[in-house]
């Protein structure tokens, strides 16, 4: 029986892959530690729950955000709220559950070029 990768494993794979995409602008914040003294410090610095895992500047200056989820993962209410908020301002948002989905999303948004056959 094949075990689906965790969100952490997916996130690491995407970060490694993006490291090879030199023309891609991306950003990520680990929000799992928003508790205790460190969490309080992060909150004071403006880190908020629900913000997408990856942010990209798209051609033309538009914002695109990707939320990474494990195969059976679902968005939290704060993630849905973030999605609704930025989409209402014209940003693009996608939930991706695999590296091929991330690559396809970025190609669809014009961030990555299709490879010539």
C-alpha atoms as a PDB file:
ATOM      1  CA  UNK A   1       0.000   0.000   0.000  1.00  0.00           C
ATOM      2  CA  UNK A   2       1.415   3.367  -1.059  1.00  0.00           C
ATOM      3  CA  UNK A   3       1.374   6.057   1.608  1.00  0.00           C
ATOM      4  CA  UNK A   4       0.609   9.596   0.441  1.00  0.00           C
ATOM      5  CA  UNK A   5       3.281  12.154   1.335  1.00  0.00           C
ATOM      6  CA  UNK A   6       2.622  14.456   4.243  1.00  0.00           C
ATOM      7  CA  UNK A   7       2.185  18.175   3.699  1.00  0.00           C
ATOM      8  CA  UNK A   8       5.659  18.685   5.199  1.00  0.00           C
ATOM      9  CA  UNK A   9       7.250  16.282   2.686  1.00  0.00           C
ATOM     10  CA  UNK A  10       5.380  17.972  -0.183  1.00  0.00           C
ATOM     11  CA  UNK A  11       6.420  21.426   1.020  1.00  0.00           C
ATOM     12  CA  UNK A  12      10.098  20.387   1.161  1.00  0.00           C
ATOM     13  CA  UNK A  13       9.917  18.846  -2.324  1.00  0.00           C
ATOM     14  CA  UNK A  14       8.307  21.988  -3.772  1.00  0.00           C
ATOM     15  CA  UNK A  15      10.874  24.248  -2.063  1.00  0.00           C
ATOM     16  CA  UNK A  16      13.732  22.164  -3.454  1.00  0.00           C
ATOM     17  CA  UNK A  17      12.195  22.184  -6.943  1.00  0.00           C
ATOM     18  CA  UNK A  18      11.608  25.944  -6.812  1.00  0.00           C
ATOM     19  CA  UNK A  19      15.259  26.417  -5.888  1.00  0.00           C
ATOM     20  CA  UNK A  20      16.097  25.203  -9.391  1.00  0.00           C
ATOM     21  CA  UNK A  21      13.634  27.633 -10.998  1.00  0.00           C
ATOM     22  CA  UNK A  22      15.846  30.707 -10.753  1.00  0.00           C
ATOM     23  CA  UNK A  23      13.380  33.069 -12.444  1.00  0.00           C
ATOM     24  CA  UNK A  24      10.582  32.220  -9.991  1.00  0.00           C
ATOM     25  CA  UNK A  25       9.896  34.529  -7.048  1.00  0.00           C
ATOM     26  CA  UNK A  26       8.422  32.716  -4.067  1.00  0.00           C
ATOM     27  CA  UNK A  27       7.993  33.085  -0.355  1.00  0.00           C
ATOM     28  CA  UNK A  28       6.931  30.806   2.446  1.00  0.00           C
ATOM     29  CA  UNK A  29       6.390  31.022   6.192  1.00  0.00           C
ATOM     30  CA  UNK A  30       6.037  28.122   8.607  1.00  0.00           C
ATOM     31  CA  UNK A  31       2.979  29.022  10.633  1.00  0.00           C
ATOM     32  CA  UNK A  32       2.892  25.829  12.694  1.00  0.00           C
ATOM     33  CA  UNK A  33       4.822  27.463  15.519  1.00  0.00           C
ATOM     34  CA  UNK A  34       2.299  30.194  16.320  1.00  0.00           C
ATOM     35  CA  UNK A  35       2.201  29.295  19.998  1.00  0.00           C
ATOM     36  CA  UNK A  36       4.268  30.044  23.079  1.00  0.00           C
ATOM     37  CA  UNK A  37       6.823  32.813  23.307  1.00  0.00           C
ATOM     38  CA  UNK A  38       8.104  32.303  19.752  1.00  0.00           C
ATOM     39  CA  UNK A  39       4.546  32.326  18.407  1.00  0.00           C
ATOM     40  CA  UNK A  40       3.810  35.569  20.247  1.00  0.00           C
ATOM     41  CA  UNK A  41       6.905  37.140  18.684  1.00  0.00           C
ATOM     42  CA  UNK A  42       5.871  36.003  15.211  1.00  0.00           C
ATOM     43  CA  UNK A  43       2.354  37.363  15.699  1.00  0.00           C
ATOM     44  CA  UNK A  44       3.771  40.740  16.790  1.00  0.00           C
ATOM     45  CA  UNK A  45       5.805  40.743  13.576  1.00  0.00           C
ATOM     46  CA  UNK A  46       2.615  40.282  11.569  1.00  0.00           C
ATOM     47  CA  UNK A  47       2.580  36.535  10.851  1.00  0.00           C
ATOM     48  CA  UNK A  48      -1.036  35.410  10.575  1.00  0.00           C
ATOM     49  CA  UNK A  49      -2.698  32.026  10.410  1.00  0.00           C
ATOM     50  CA  UNK A  50      -4.357  31.204   7.102  1.00  0.00           C
ATOM     51  CA  UNK A  51      -1.832  32.891   4.815  1.00  0.00           C
ATOM     52  CA  UNK A  52      -0.951  30.702   1.819  1.00  0.00           C
ATOM     53  CA  UNK A  53       2.293  28.740   1.802  1.00  0.00           C
ATOM     54  CA  UNK A  54       3.741  30.193  -1.405  1.00  0.00           C
ATOM     55  CA  UNK A  55       3.410  33.633  -2.973  1.00  0.00           C
ATOM     56  CA  UNK A  56       4.468  34.524  -6.516  1.00  0.00           C
ATOM     57  CA  UNK A  57       4.707  37.749  -8.474  1.00  0.00           C
ATOM     58  CA  UNK A  58       3.023  36.883 -11.757  1.00  0.00           C
ATOM     59  CA  UNK A  59       3.640  38.475 -15.143  1.00  0.00           C
ATOM     60  CA  UNK A  60       2.166  41.960 -15.075  1.00  0.00           C
ATOM     61  CA  UNK A  61       2.674  42.258 -11.309  1.00  0.00           C
ATOM     62  CA  UNK A  62      -0.357  40.237 -10.210  1.00  0.00           C
ATOM     63  CA  UNK A  63      -0.154  38.106  -7.048  1.00  0.00           C
ATOM     64  CA  UNK A  64      -0.610  34.343  -7.106  1.00  0.00           C
ATOM     65  CA  UNK A  65      -0.756  32.206  -3.960  1.00  0.00           C
ATOM     66  CA  UNK A  66      -0.526  28.454  -3.564  1.00  0.00           C
ATOM     67  CA  UNK A  67      -1.676  26.549  -0.501  1.00  0.00           C
ATOM     68  CA  UNK A  68      -0.020  23.129  -0.217  1.00  0.00           C
ATOM     69  CA  UNK A  69      -2.046  20.251   1.175  1.00  0.00           C
ATOM     70  CA  UNK A  70      -1.474  16.546   1.680  1.00  0.00           C
ATOM     71  CA  UNK A  71      -3.558  14.292  -0.562  1.00  0.00           C
ATOM     72  CA  UNK A  72      -6.544  14.273   1.812  1.00  0.00           C
ATOM     73  CA  UNK A  73      -5.854  17.679   3.379  1.00  0.00           C
ATOM     74  CA  UNK A  74      -8.462  20.439   3.487  1.00  0.00           C
ATOM     75  CA  UNK A  75      -8.237  24.177   3.980  1.00  0.00           C
ATOM     76  CA  UNK A  76      -8.851  25.581   7.430  1.00  0.00           C
ATOM     77  CA  UNK A  77     -11.471  28.305   7.894  1.00  0.00           C
ATOM     78  CA  UNK A  78      -8.689  30.917   8.187  1.00  0.00           C
ATOM     79  CA  UNK A  79      -7.188  29.700   4.889  1.00  0.00           C
ATOM     80  CA  UNK A  80     -10.560  29.987   3.148  1.00  0.00           C
ATOM     81  CA  UNK A  81     -10.926  33.494   4.603  1.00  0.00           C
ATOM     82  CA  UNK A  82      -7.463  34.445   3.269  1.00  0.00           C
ATOM     83  CA  UNK A  83      -8.339  33.017  -0.165  1.00  0.00           C
ATOM     84  CA  UNK A  84     -11.623  34.943  -0.292  1.00  0.00           C
ATOM     85  CA  UNK A  85      -9.933  38.167   0.794  1.00  0.00           C
ATOM     86  CA  UNK A  86      -7.133  38.142  -1.769  1.00  0.00           C
ATOM     87  CA  UNK A  87      -9.328  36.817  -4.585  1.00  0.00           C
ATOM     88  CA  UNK A  88     -11.688  39.747  -4.021  1.00  0.00           C
ATOM     89  CA  UNK A  89      -8.713  42.008  -4.739  1.00  0.00           C
ATOM     90  CA  UNK A  90      -7.767  40.242  -7.985  1.00  0.00           C
ATOM     91  CA  UNK A  91      -5.115  37.789  -6.777  1.00  0.00           C
ATOM     92  CA  UNK A  92      -5.024  34.189  -7.981  1.00  0.00           C
ATOM     93  CA  UNK A  93      -5.133  31.276  -5.520  1.00  0.00           C
ATOM     94  CA  UNK A  94      -4.725  27.535  -5.893  1.00  0.00           C
ATOM     95  CA  UNK A  95      -4.652  24.539  -3.582  1.00  0.00           C
ATOM     96  CA  UNK A  96      -2.067  22.009  -4.786  1.00  0.00           C
ATOM     97  CA  UNK A  97      -1.563  18.484  -3.495  1.00  0.00           C
ATOM     98  CA  UNK A  98       1.452  17.444  -5.569  1.00  0.00           C
ATOM     99  CA  UNK A  99       4.533  18.841  -7.267  1.00  0.00           C
ATOM    100  CA  UNK A 100       2.994  18.315 -10.740  1.00  0.00           C
ATOM    101  CA  UNK A 101      -0.033  20.384  -9.617  1.00  0.00           C
ATOM    102  CA  UNK A 102       2.294  23.199  -8.488  1.00  0.00           C
ATOM    103  CA  UNK A 103       4.165  23.070 -11.791  1.00  0.00           C
ATOM    104  CA  UNK A 104       0.908  23.040 -13.779  1.00  0.00           C
ATOM    105  CA  UNK A 105      -0.480  25.966 -11.783  1.00  0.00           C
ATOM    106  CA  UNK A 106       2.659  28.048 -12.322  1.00  0.00           C
ATOM    107  CA  UNK A 107       2.656  27.258 -16.044  1.00  0.00           C
ATOM    108  CA  UNK A 108      -1.024  28.211 -16.234  1.00  0.00           C
ATOM    109  CA  UNK A 109      -0.284  31.494 -14.507  1.00  0.00           C
ATOM    110  CA  UNK A 110       2.546  32.227 -16.971  1.00  0.00           C
ATOM    111  CA  UNK A 111       5.295  32.005 -14.339  1.00  0.00           C
ATOM    112  CA  UNK A 112       6.935  28.981 -15.966  1.00  0.00           C
ATOM    113  CA  UNK A 113       7.261  28.418 -19.697  1.00  0.00           C
ATOM    114  CA  UNK A 114       6.162  25.168 -21.297  1.00  0.00           C
ATOM    115  CA  UNK A 115       9.141  23.088 -22.325  1.00  0.00           C
ATOM    116  CA  UNK A 116       9.671  22.741 -26.071  1.00  0.00           C
ATOM    117  CA  UNK A 117       9.056  19.196 -27.325  1.00  0.00           C
END
